[in-house]
N, C-alpha and C. Protein backbone atom coordinates (compact mmCIF):
# COMPACT_ATOMS: atom_id res chain seq x y z
N MET A 1 40.26 -57.64 -13.80
CA MET A 1 39.91 -57.09 -12.51
C MET A 1 40.03 -55.58 -12.53
N LYS A 2 41.08 -55.08 -13.18
CA LYS A 2 41.30 -53.65 -13.25
C LYS A 2 40.17 -52.98 -14.02
N THR A 3 39.66 -53.60 -15.06
CA THR A 3 38.59 -53.05 -15.86
C THR A 3 37.29 -52.99 -15.06
N ARG A 4 37.06 -54.03 -14.32
CA ARG A 4 35.85 -54.07 -13.50
C ARG A 4 35.89 -52.96 -12.46
N PHE A 5 37.05 -52.76 -11.83
CA PHE A 5 37.20 -51.72 -10.82
C PHE A 5 36.98 -50.34 -11.43
N SER A 6 37.56 -50.08 -12.59
CA SER A 6 37.40 -48.77 -13.23
C SER A 6 35.96 -48.57 -13.71
N TYR A 7 35.29 -49.65 -14.10
CA TYR A 7 33.88 -49.54 -14.50
C TYR A 7 33.02 -49.14 -13.31
N HIS A 8 33.21 -49.77 -12.17
CA HIS A 8 32.46 -49.43 -10.95
C HIS A 8 32.80 -48.00 -10.49
N PHE A 9 34.06 -47.67 -10.59
CA PHE A 9 34.49 -46.32 -10.19
C PHE A 9 33.81 -45.26 -11.07
N LEU A 10 33.76 -45.50 -12.37
CA LEU A 10 33.11 -44.56 -13.29
C LEU A 10 31.61 -44.47 -13.02
N LEU A 11 30.99 -45.61 -12.72
CA LEU A 11 29.56 -45.62 -12.43
C LEU A 11 29.26 -44.82 -11.16
N ILE A 12 30.04 -45.01 -10.13
CA ILE A 12 29.85 -44.28 -8.87
C ILE A 12 30.13 -42.79 -9.09
N ALA A 13 31.18 -42.47 -9.81
CA ALA A 13 31.50 -41.07 -10.10
C ALA A 13 30.38 -40.41 -10.89
N PHE A 14 29.84 -41.13 -11.86
CA PHE A 14 28.74 -40.60 -12.66
C PHE A 14 27.51 -40.33 -11.78
N LEU A 15 27.19 -41.25 -10.86
CA LEU A 15 26.06 -41.06 -9.96
C LEU A 15 26.25 -39.82 -9.08
N PHE A 16 27.44 -39.64 -8.53
CA PHE A 16 27.71 -38.46 -7.70
C PHE A 16 27.59 -37.16 -8.49
N ILE A 17 28.10 -37.18 -9.69
CA ILE A 17 28.05 -35.98 -10.53
C ILE A 17 26.61 -35.67 -10.92
N SER A 18 25.86 -36.69 -11.29
CA SER A 18 24.48 -36.46 -11.72
C SER A 18 23.60 -36.03 -10.54
N CYS A 19 23.90 -36.51 -9.35
CA CYS A 19 23.12 -36.10 -8.18
C CYS A 19 23.43 -34.66 -7.78
N GLY A 20 24.54 -34.18 -8.17
CA GLY A 20 24.91 -32.81 -7.83
C GLY A 20 24.35 -31.78 -8.78
N ALA A 21 23.53 -32.22 -9.74
CA ALA A 21 22.93 -31.29 -10.70
C ALA A 21 22.04 -30.30 -9.95
N GLU A 22 21.88 -29.13 -10.51
CA GLU A 22 21.10 -28.07 -9.87
C GLU A 22 19.64 -28.48 -9.77
N TYR A 23 19.08 -28.35 -8.60
CA TYR A 23 17.70 -28.72 -8.33
C TYR A 23 16.81 -27.50 -8.51
N SER A 24 15.72 -27.64 -9.22
CA SER A 24 14.77 -26.55 -9.42
C SER A 24 13.46 -26.92 -8.75
N PRO A 25 13.17 -26.31 -7.59
CA PRO A 25 11.90 -26.63 -6.93
C PRO A 25 10.72 -26.03 -7.69
N LYS A 26 9.58 -26.61 -7.46
CA LYS A 26 8.35 -26.11 -8.07
C LYS A 26 8.07 -24.71 -7.53
N PRO A 27 7.70 -23.76 -8.37
CA PRO A 27 7.42 -22.41 -7.88
C PRO A 27 6.29 -22.42 -6.85
N ARG A 28 6.39 -21.50 -5.91
CA ARG A 28 5.40 -21.37 -4.86
C ARG A 28 4.07 -20.93 -5.44
N ALA A 29 3.01 -21.54 -5.01
CA ALA A 29 1.67 -21.16 -5.48
C ALA A 29 1.07 -20.13 -4.51
N TYR A 30 0.17 -19.32 -5.00
CA TYR A 30 -0.49 -18.33 -4.17
C TYR A 30 -1.95 -18.73 -3.97
N PHE A 31 -2.48 -18.33 -2.83
CA PHE A 31 -3.86 -18.65 -2.51
C PHE A 31 -4.81 -17.94 -3.47
N ARG A 32 -5.92 -18.57 -3.73
CA ARG A 32 -6.96 -17.93 -4.52
C ARG A 32 -7.63 -16.90 -3.61
N ILE A 33 -7.80 -15.72 -4.11
CA ILE A 33 -8.35 -14.63 -3.31
C ILE A 33 -9.81 -14.44 -3.66
N GLU A 34 -10.64 -14.47 -2.65
CA GLU A 34 -12.07 -14.21 -2.82
C GLU A 34 -12.31 -12.75 -2.48
N PHE A 35 -12.72 -11.97 -3.46
CA PHE A 35 -12.99 -10.56 -3.22
C PHE A 35 -14.45 -10.36 -2.83
N PRO A 36 -14.68 -9.59 -1.75
CA PRO A 36 -16.07 -9.33 -1.35
C PRO A 36 -16.75 -8.35 -2.31
N GLU A 37 -18.06 -8.31 -2.23
CA GLU A 37 -18.82 -7.37 -3.05
C GLU A 37 -18.55 -5.95 -2.55
N LYS A 38 -18.43 -5.02 -3.48
CA LYS A 38 -18.14 -3.62 -3.11
C LYS A 38 -19.41 -2.95 -2.59
N LYS A 39 -19.41 -2.65 -1.29
CA LYS A 39 -20.47 -1.90 -0.64
C LYS A 39 -19.79 -0.93 0.31
N TYR A 40 -20.31 0.29 0.36
CA TYR A 40 -19.65 1.33 1.15
C TYR A 40 -20.56 1.88 2.24
N GLN A 41 -19.92 2.41 3.27
CA GLN A 41 -20.59 3.10 4.36
C GLN A 41 -19.82 4.37 4.66
N THR A 42 -20.42 5.29 5.38
CA THR A 42 -19.79 6.59 5.63
C THR A 42 -19.15 6.61 7.01
N TYR A 43 -17.88 7.05 7.03
CA TYR A 43 -17.22 7.32 8.32
C TYR A 43 -17.62 8.73 8.72
N SER A 44 -18.13 8.85 9.93
CA SER A 44 -18.51 10.18 10.41
C SER A 44 -18.25 10.27 11.92
N GLY A 45 -17.00 10.07 12.31
CA GLY A 45 -16.61 10.14 13.72
C GLY A 45 -16.47 11.58 14.18
N ASP A 46 -15.63 11.78 15.16
CA ASP A 46 -15.43 13.11 15.75
C ASP A 46 -14.42 13.97 14.99
N CYS A 47 -13.91 13.48 13.92
CA CYS A 47 -12.87 14.21 13.16
C CYS A 47 -13.51 15.21 12.20
N PRO A 48 -12.74 16.20 11.73
CA PRO A 48 -13.30 17.24 10.86
C PRO A 48 -13.44 16.82 9.39
N TYR A 49 -13.67 15.53 9.15
CA TYR A 49 -13.84 15.05 7.79
C TYR A 49 -14.71 13.80 7.80
N THR A 50 -15.29 13.50 6.64
CA THR A 50 -16.05 12.27 6.43
C THR A 50 -15.63 11.68 5.08
N PHE A 51 -15.87 10.39 4.92
CA PHE A 51 -15.57 9.71 3.66
C PHE A 51 -16.28 8.37 3.67
N ASP A 52 -16.43 7.80 2.50
CA ASP A 52 -17.00 6.46 2.38
C ASP A 52 -15.87 5.44 2.40
N PHE A 53 -16.11 4.34 3.10
CA PHE A 53 -15.15 3.24 3.15
C PHE A 53 -15.91 1.92 3.00
N PRO A 54 -15.24 0.86 2.59
CA PRO A 54 -15.94 -0.40 2.32
C PRO A 54 -16.44 -1.07 3.60
N GLU A 55 -17.54 -1.79 3.47
CA GLU A 55 -18.12 -2.51 4.60
C GLU A 55 -17.22 -3.63 5.11
N TYR A 56 -16.34 -4.14 4.26
CA TYR A 56 -15.44 -5.23 4.66
C TYR A 56 -14.15 -4.71 5.29
N ALA A 57 -14.06 -3.40 5.51
CA ALA A 57 -12.90 -2.79 6.18
C ALA A 57 -13.36 -2.23 7.52
N GLN A 58 -12.40 -1.92 8.38
CA GLN A 58 -12.70 -1.37 9.70
C GLN A 58 -11.91 -0.08 9.89
N VAL A 59 -12.59 0.97 10.33
CA VAL A 59 -11.90 2.23 10.65
C VAL A 59 -11.63 2.24 12.14
N GLN A 60 -10.34 2.38 12.50
CA GLN A 60 -9.95 2.38 13.90
C GLN A 60 -8.96 3.50 14.15
N PRO A 61 -8.97 4.07 15.36
CA PRO A 61 -7.98 5.11 15.68
C PRO A 61 -6.57 4.51 15.62
N ASP A 62 -5.63 5.30 15.18
CA ASP A 62 -4.23 4.87 15.16
C ASP A 62 -3.76 4.76 16.61
N SER A 63 -3.20 3.62 16.96
CA SER A 63 -2.76 3.39 18.34
C SER A 63 -1.24 3.45 18.49
N SER A 64 -0.55 3.93 17.48
CA SER A 64 0.91 4.02 17.59
C SER A 64 1.30 5.10 18.59
N ARG A 65 2.51 5.02 19.06
CA ARG A 65 3.00 5.91 20.12
C ARG A 65 2.96 7.38 19.71
N ASP A 66 3.26 7.68 18.46
CA ASP A 66 3.33 9.07 18.00
C ASP A 66 2.03 9.58 17.40
N SER A 67 0.96 8.82 17.51
CA SER A 67 -0.28 9.22 16.84
C SER A 67 -0.87 10.48 17.48
N LYS A 68 -1.64 11.19 16.66
CA LYS A 68 -2.31 12.42 17.08
C LYS A 68 -3.82 12.22 16.93
N PRO A 69 -4.61 13.14 17.46
CA PRO A 69 -6.06 13.03 17.27
C PRO A 69 -6.42 13.00 15.78
N CYS A 70 -7.40 12.19 15.46
CA CYS A 70 -7.91 12.03 14.09
C CYS A 70 -6.94 11.35 13.14
N TRP A 71 -5.98 10.63 13.68
CA TRP A 71 -5.18 9.73 12.87
C TRP A 71 -5.91 8.39 12.90
N LEU A 72 -6.22 7.87 11.73
CA LEU A 72 -7.01 6.65 11.62
C LEU A 72 -6.31 5.61 10.75
N ASN A 73 -6.73 4.36 10.94
CA ASN A 73 -6.33 3.28 10.05
C ASN A 73 -7.59 2.64 9.50
N VAL A 74 -7.66 2.53 8.19
CA VAL A 74 -8.72 1.76 7.54
C VAL A 74 -8.12 0.39 7.31
N ASN A 75 -8.48 -0.56 8.18
CA ASN A 75 -7.88 -1.89 8.17
C ASN A 75 -8.64 -2.85 7.26
N TYR A 76 -7.86 -3.65 6.54
CA TYR A 76 -8.38 -4.72 5.69
C TYR A 76 -7.86 -6.04 6.26
N PRO A 77 -8.54 -6.60 7.27
CA PRO A 77 -8.01 -7.82 7.90
C PRO A 77 -7.86 -8.99 6.93
N GLN A 78 -8.77 -9.13 5.96
CA GLN A 78 -8.70 -10.27 5.04
C GLN A 78 -7.54 -10.15 4.05
N PHE A 79 -7.01 -8.93 3.88
CA PHE A 79 -5.88 -8.72 2.96
C PHE A 79 -4.59 -8.38 3.70
N ASN A 80 -4.65 -8.32 5.03
CA ASN A 80 -3.48 -8.01 5.85
C ASN A 80 -2.88 -6.65 5.44
N GLY A 81 -3.75 -5.68 5.29
CA GLY A 81 -3.30 -4.35 4.88
C GLY A 81 -4.08 -3.25 5.56
N ARG A 82 -3.64 -2.01 5.33
CA ARG A 82 -4.32 -0.86 5.92
C ARG A 82 -4.01 0.41 5.14
N ILE A 83 -4.95 1.34 5.22
CA ILE A 83 -4.71 2.69 4.72
C ILE A 83 -4.53 3.55 5.96
N HIS A 84 -3.36 4.09 6.11
CA HIS A 84 -3.08 4.95 7.27
C HIS A 84 -3.44 6.39 6.90
N LEU A 85 -4.27 7.03 7.72
CA LEU A 85 -4.68 8.41 7.51
C LEU A 85 -4.17 9.27 8.65
N SER A 86 -3.44 10.31 8.33
CA SER A 86 -2.95 11.23 9.37
C SER A 86 -3.45 12.64 9.07
N TYR A 87 -4.18 13.19 10.04
CA TYR A 87 -4.79 14.52 9.89
C TYR A 87 -3.95 15.55 10.64
N GLN A 88 -3.91 16.75 10.05
CA GLN A 88 -3.18 17.85 10.68
C GLN A 88 -3.92 19.15 10.39
N PRO A 89 -4.30 19.91 11.46
CA PRO A 89 -4.86 21.24 11.19
C PRO A 89 -3.75 22.17 10.69
N ILE A 90 -4.10 23.09 9.81
CA ILE A 90 -3.11 24.02 9.23
C ILE A 90 -3.26 25.37 9.93
N SER A 91 -2.14 25.90 10.40
CA SER A 91 -2.20 27.19 11.09
C SER A 91 -1.53 28.32 10.31
N SER A 92 -0.74 27.97 9.29
CA SER A 92 -0.06 29.02 8.52
C SER A 92 0.29 28.50 7.12
N ALA A 93 0.60 29.44 6.23
CA ALA A 93 1.00 29.07 4.87
C ALA A 93 2.30 28.28 4.89
N ALA A 94 3.20 28.65 5.78
CA ALA A 94 4.48 27.94 5.88
C ALA A 94 4.26 26.49 6.30
N GLU A 95 3.34 26.26 7.24
CA GLU A 95 3.03 24.91 7.68
C GLU A 95 2.40 24.10 6.54
N PHE A 96 1.50 24.73 5.79
CA PHE A 96 0.87 24.08 4.64
C PHE A 96 1.94 23.65 3.63
N ASN A 97 2.85 24.57 3.31
CA ASN A 97 3.92 24.24 2.36
C ASN A 97 4.79 23.10 2.87
N GLN A 98 5.07 23.09 4.17
CA GLN A 98 5.90 22.02 4.74
C GLN A 98 5.19 20.67 4.67
N LEU A 99 3.89 20.66 4.97
CA LEU A 99 3.12 19.41 4.92
C LEU A 99 3.06 18.84 3.50
N THR A 100 2.83 19.68 2.51
CA THR A 100 2.76 19.19 1.13
C THR A 100 4.13 18.71 0.65
N GLU A 101 5.19 19.38 1.09
CA GLU A 101 6.54 18.94 0.73
C GLU A 101 6.87 17.63 1.42
N ASP A 102 6.42 17.46 2.67
CA ASP A 102 6.63 16.19 3.38
C ASP A 102 5.95 15.04 2.65
N ALA A 103 4.74 15.26 2.16
CA ALA A 103 4.01 14.22 1.43
C ALA A 103 4.79 13.81 0.18
N ARG A 104 5.33 14.78 -0.52
CA ARG A 104 6.13 14.49 -1.72
C ARG A 104 7.39 13.71 -1.34
N THR A 105 8.04 14.14 -0.27
CA THR A 105 9.26 13.46 0.19
C THR A 105 8.97 12.01 0.57
N PHE A 106 7.87 11.78 1.33
CA PHE A 106 7.52 10.41 1.72
C PHE A 106 7.27 9.54 0.49
N ALA A 107 6.59 10.07 -0.50
CA ALA A 107 6.30 9.30 -1.72
C ALA A 107 7.59 8.98 -2.47
N PHE A 108 8.47 9.95 -2.60
CA PHE A 108 9.68 9.75 -3.39
C PHE A 108 10.80 9.05 -2.64
N LYS A 109 10.59 8.74 -1.35
CA LYS A 109 11.55 7.90 -0.63
C LYS A 109 11.55 6.49 -1.20
N HIS A 110 10.51 6.13 -1.91
CA HIS A 110 10.39 4.80 -2.50
C HIS A 110 11.10 4.69 -3.85
N THR A 111 11.77 5.74 -4.27
CA THR A 111 12.45 5.75 -5.56
C THR A 111 13.45 4.60 -5.71
N VAL A 112 14.08 4.20 -4.61
CA VAL A 112 15.09 3.14 -4.65
C VAL A 112 14.51 1.83 -5.20
N LYS A 113 13.30 1.47 -4.79
CA LYS A 113 12.69 0.21 -5.22
C LYS A 113 11.61 0.41 -6.28
N ALA A 114 11.16 1.63 -6.48
CA ALA A 114 10.06 1.89 -7.42
C ALA A 114 10.54 1.82 -8.86
N THR A 115 9.66 1.32 -9.72
CA THR A 115 9.95 1.34 -11.16
C THR A 115 9.34 2.59 -11.79
N ALA A 116 8.33 3.17 -11.12
CA ALA A 116 7.72 4.42 -11.60
C ALA A 116 6.92 5.04 -10.46
N ILE A 117 6.86 6.36 -10.45
CA ILE A 117 6.01 7.08 -9.52
C ILE A 117 5.22 8.09 -10.34
N ASP A 118 3.90 7.91 -10.35
CA ASP A 118 3.02 8.81 -11.10
C ASP A 118 2.27 9.70 -10.13
N GLU A 119 2.14 10.96 -10.48
CA GLU A 119 1.39 11.92 -9.67
C GLU A 119 0.11 12.30 -10.41
N GLY A 120 -0.98 12.37 -9.67
CA GLY A 120 -2.25 12.81 -10.24
C GLY A 120 -2.84 13.90 -9.37
N ILE A 121 -3.41 14.90 -9.99
CA ILE A 121 -4.03 16.01 -9.27
C ILE A 121 -5.43 15.61 -8.82
N ILE A 122 -5.76 15.94 -7.59
CA ILE A 122 -7.09 15.72 -7.04
C ILE A 122 -7.73 17.10 -6.91
N SER A 123 -8.90 17.28 -7.49
CA SER A 123 -9.56 18.58 -7.43
C SER A 123 -11.08 18.41 -7.45
N TYR A 124 -11.70 18.69 -6.32
CA TYR A 124 -13.15 18.72 -6.18
C TYR A 124 -13.53 20.06 -5.58
N PRO A 125 -13.58 21.12 -6.40
CA PRO A 125 -13.79 22.47 -5.90
C PRO A 125 -15.10 22.64 -5.12
N LYS A 126 -16.14 21.94 -5.53
CA LYS A 126 -17.43 22.07 -4.84
C LYS A 126 -17.30 21.69 -3.36
N GLU A 127 -16.50 20.66 -3.08
CA GLU A 127 -16.29 20.20 -1.70
C GLU A 127 -15.04 20.82 -1.07
N LYS A 128 -14.31 21.65 -1.82
CA LYS A 128 -13.05 22.24 -1.38
C LYS A 128 -12.04 21.15 -0.97
N VAL A 129 -11.95 20.14 -1.82
CA VAL A 129 -11.00 19.04 -1.61
C VAL A 129 -10.00 19.06 -2.76
N TYR A 130 -8.74 19.24 -2.41
CA TYR A 130 -7.65 19.30 -3.39
C TYR A 130 -6.51 18.43 -2.88
N GLY A 131 -5.67 17.99 -3.77
CA GLY A 131 -4.52 17.20 -3.33
C GLY A 131 -3.77 16.57 -4.47
N ILE A 132 -2.91 15.64 -4.11
CA ILE A 132 -2.10 14.89 -5.08
C ILE A 132 -2.15 13.42 -4.71
N TYR A 133 -2.28 12.59 -5.73
CA TYR A 133 -2.33 11.13 -5.60
C TYR A 133 -1.04 10.58 -6.20
N TYR A 134 -0.29 9.81 -5.41
CA TYR A 134 0.96 9.19 -5.88
C TYR A 134 0.73 7.70 -6.06
N SER A 135 0.89 7.22 -7.28
CA SER A 135 0.82 5.79 -7.58
C SER A 135 2.25 5.30 -7.76
N ILE A 136 2.68 4.40 -6.89
CA ILE A 136 4.07 3.96 -6.85
C ILE A 136 4.15 2.51 -7.32
N ASP A 137 4.78 2.29 -8.47
CA ASP A 137 4.90 0.94 -9.04
C ASP A 137 6.20 0.29 -8.59
N GLY A 138 6.18 -1.03 -8.46
CA GLY A 138 7.37 -1.78 -8.07
C GLY A 138 7.19 -2.43 -6.71
N ASN A 139 8.25 -3.06 -6.23
CA ASN A 139 8.23 -3.75 -4.94
C ASN A 139 8.52 -2.78 -3.80
N THR A 140 7.58 -1.90 -3.55
CA THR A 140 7.76 -0.87 -2.53
C THR A 140 6.86 -1.15 -1.33
N ALA A 141 7.20 -0.52 -0.20
CA ALA A 141 6.42 -0.71 1.03
C ALA A 141 5.02 -0.12 0.91
N SER A 142 4.88 0.95 0.15
CA SER A 142 3.58 1.61 -0.03
C SER A 142 3.36 1.86 -1.52
N SER A 143 2.26 1.34 -2.05
CA SER A 143 1.99 1.48 -3.48
C SER A 143 1.12 2.68 -3.81
N VAL A 144 0.44 3.23 -2.81
CA VAL A 144 -0.43 4.39 -3.01
C VAL A 144 -0.23 5.34 -1.84
N GLN A 145 -0.03 6.61 -2.17
CA GLN A 145 0.01 7.67 -1.16
C GLN A 145 -0.72 8.86 -1.74
N PHE A 146 -1.32 9.66 -0.86
CA PHE A 146 -2.04 10.84 -1.31
C PHE A 146 -2.16 11.83 -0.17
N PHE A 147 -2.46 13.07 -0.53
CA PHE A 147 -2.86 14.01 0.51
C PHE A 147 -4.04 14.81 0.00
N LEU A 148 -4.88 15.23 0.95
CA LEU A 148 -6.07 16.02 0.67
C LEU A 148 -6.05 17.24 1.57
N THR A 149 -6.50 18.37 1.03
CA THR A 149 -6.50 19.61 1.80
C THR A 149 -7.60 20.52 1.30
N ASP A 150 -7.98 21.48 2.14
CA ASP A 150 -8.87 22.55 1.69
C ASP A 150 -8.05 23.80 1.39
N SER A 151 -6.74 23.69 1.50
CA SER A 151 -5.75 24.74 1.22
C SER A 151 -5.69 25.85 2.27
N THR A 152 -6.50 25.78 3.30
CA THR A 152 -6.48 26.85 4.30
C THR A 152 -6.39 26.34 5.74
N LYS A 153 -7.22 25.35 6.11
CA LYS A 153 -7.28 24.93 7.51
C LYS A 153 -7.00 23.46 7.77
N ASN A 154 -7.19 22.61 6.78
CA ASN A 154 -7.14 21.17 7.01
C ASN A 154 -6.24 20.45 6.02
N TYR A 155 -5.61 19.38 6.52
CA TYR A 155 -4.70 18.58 5.70
C TYR A 155 -4.80 17.12 6.16
N LEU A 156 -4.90 16.20 5.22
CA LEU A 156 -4.94 14.77 5.53
C LEU A 156 -4.05 14.03 4.56
N ARG A 157 -3.19 13.19 5.09
CA ARG A 157 -2.30 12.37 4.26
C ARG A 157 -2.70 10.92 4.41
N GLY A 158 -2.70 10.16 3.31
CA GLY A 158 -3.04 8.74 3.33
C GLY A 158 -1.95 7.91 2.67
N ALA A 159 -1.75 6.69 3.19
CA ALA A 159 -0.77 5.78 2.61
C ALA A 159 -1.26 4.35 2.79
N LEU A 160 -1.16 3.56 1.74
CA LEU A 160 -1.57 2.16 1.77
C LEU A 160 -0.36 1.28 2.07
N TYR A 161 -0.54 0.39 3.06
CA TYR A 161 0.52 -0.56 3.43
C TYR A 161 -0.06 -1.96 3.53
N PHE A 162 0.73 -2.95 3.13
CA PHE A 162 0.39 -4.35 3.36
C PHE A 162 1.43 -4.91 4.32
N ASN A 163 0.99 -5.73 5.26
CA ASN A 163 1.89 -6.34 6.23
C ASN A 163 2.50 -7.61 5.66
N GLU A 164 3.05 -7.48 4.50
CA GLU A 164 3.68 -8.58 3.78
C GLU A 164 4.97 -8.07 3.15
N GLN A 165 5.84 -9.00 2.79
CA GLN A 165 7.02 -8.60 2.04
C GLN A 165 6.56 -8.03 0.71
N PRO A 166 7.08 -6.85 0.33
CA PRO A 166 6.58 -6.24 -0.90
C PRO A 166 7.00 -6.98 -2.17
N ARG A 167 6.08 -7.81 -2.67
CA ARG A 167 6.28 -8.50 -3.95
C ARG A 167 5.08 -8.18 -4.81
N LEU A 168 5.27 -7.29 -5.74
CA LEU A 168 4.16 -6.78 -6.55
C LEU A 168 3.40 -7.89 -7.26
N ASP A 169 4.10 -8.90 -7.74
CA ASP A 169 3.41 -9.97 -8.48
C ASP A 169 2.41 -10.71 -7.61
N SER A 170 2.63 -10.79 -6.31
CA SER A 170 1.71 -11.53 -5.46
C SER A 170 0.59 -10.66 -4.90
N ILE A 171 0.82 -9.34 -4.75
CA ILE A 171 -0.23 -8.48 -4.18
C ILE A 171 -0.99 -7.68 -5.24
N GLN A 172 -0.62 -7.78 -6.49
CA GLN A 172 -1.23 -6.96 -7.54
C GLN A 172 -2.75 -7.07 -7.60
N PRO A 173 -3.35 -8.27 -7.53
CA PRO A 173 -4.81 -8.33 -7.59
C PRO A 173 -5.47 -7.61 -6.40
N VAL A 174 -4.90 -7.76 -5.21
CA VAL A 174 -5.44 -7.08 -4.03
C VAL A 174 -5.21 -5.58 -4.14
N LEU A 175 -4.05 -5.19 -4.61
CA LEU A 175 -3.74 -3.77 -4.78
C LEU A 175 -4.74 -3.11 -5.73
N ASP A 176 -5.02 -3.74 -6.85
CA ASP A 176 -6.00 -3.20 -7.80
C ASP A 176 -7.38 -3.07 -7.15
N PHE A 177 -7.75 -4.05 -6.34
CA PHE A 177 -9.04 -4.05 -5.66
C PHE A 177 -9.12 -2.90 -4.64
N VAL A 178 -8.08 -2.72 -3.84
CA VAL A 178 -8.07 -1.69 -2.79
C VAL A 178 -7.94 -0.29 -3.40
N LYS A 179 -7.25 -0.16 -4.52
CA LYS A 179 -7.14 1.16 -5.18
C LYS A 179 -8.53 1.72 -5.53
N LYS A 180 -9.45 0.85 -5.90
CA LYS A 180 -10.81 1.30 -6.20
C LYS A 180 -11.49 1.85 -4.95
N ASP A 181 -11.19 1.24 -3.79
CA ASP A 181 -11.72 1.75 -2.52
C ASP A 181 -11.12 3.11 -2.18
N ILE A 182 -9.85 3.27 -2.46
CA ILE A 182 -9.20 4.57 -2.21
C ILE A 182 -9.81 5.63 -3.11
N ASP A 183 -10.04 5.28 -4.37
CA ASP A 183 -10.69 6.23 -5.29
C ASP A 183 -12.06 6.65 -4.76
N GLN A 184 -12.83 5.68 -4.25
CA GLN A 184 -14.15 5.98 -3.69
C GLN A 184 -14.01 6.87 -2.46
N MET A 185 -13.02 6.58 -1.63
CA MET A 185 -12.78 7.38 -0.44
C MET A 185 -12.50 8.83 -0.80
N ILE A 186 -11.66 9.04 -1.79
CA ILE A 186 -11.29 10.39 -2.20
C ILE A 186 -12.48 11.10 -2.85
N LYS A 187 -13.22 10.42 -3.70
CA LYS A 187 -14.38 11.04 -4.37
C LYS A 187 -15.46 11.47 -3.39
N THR A 188 -15.60 10.75 -2.28
CA THR A 188 -16.66 11.05 -1.31
C THR A 188 -16.16 11.85 -0.10
N PHE A 189 -14.90 12.22 -0.13
CA PHE A 189 -14.29 12.91 1.01
C PHE A 189 -14.88 14.32 1.16
N LYS A 190 -15.20 14.71 2.38
CA LYS A 190 -15.75 16.05 2.66
C LYS A 190 -15.15 16.57 3.95
N TRP A 191 -14.90 17.87 3.96
CA TRP A 191 -14.47 18.54 5.19
C TRP A 191 -15.70 19.00 5.95
N ARG A 192 -15.63 18.93 7.25
CA ARG A 192 -16.71 19.47 8.07
C ARG A 192 -16.37 20.90 8.45
N ASN A 193 -17.38 21.75 8.50
CA ASN A 193 -17.12 23.16 8.87
C ASN A 193 -16.98 23.28 10.38
């Protein structure tokens, strides 16, 4: 009788121990993303600049509380993201220096989560468009930031945001796709006189 009891006890104990093993759920799958064909149109609103943006995006005025005239959002509803554009007229060399330093500060605030931050010079002398492009790698809130200026009167800062938790592995295909749109935007950017 004692042997039978200890056998049942061992069997029950073994079942409890084996059920307590660490469970590994199946990894989460991501949706297949259908990318639209790249076609561009020109933004030419009341602001002192123009640029090409994709037909599958929408340019809308920034409606945030602190927004100023000619602050725009290039919205990507299918990707739950936007490129925020903030324009500022330049009135002095000191203001220009402050704006460019602010752009650098905003980009490097992501250092905590970034694995790398690369800077690229933007220079289109024929159009008087100059600036810096910041490519920010890692799980950061903004993967691309840039500013454009004519160095005397106009300044525009841009930043790409997705309304998702920043997980680079899940947004990388969309990020690569939208970066090409940003490149097109910068290449076609013009100041109005």
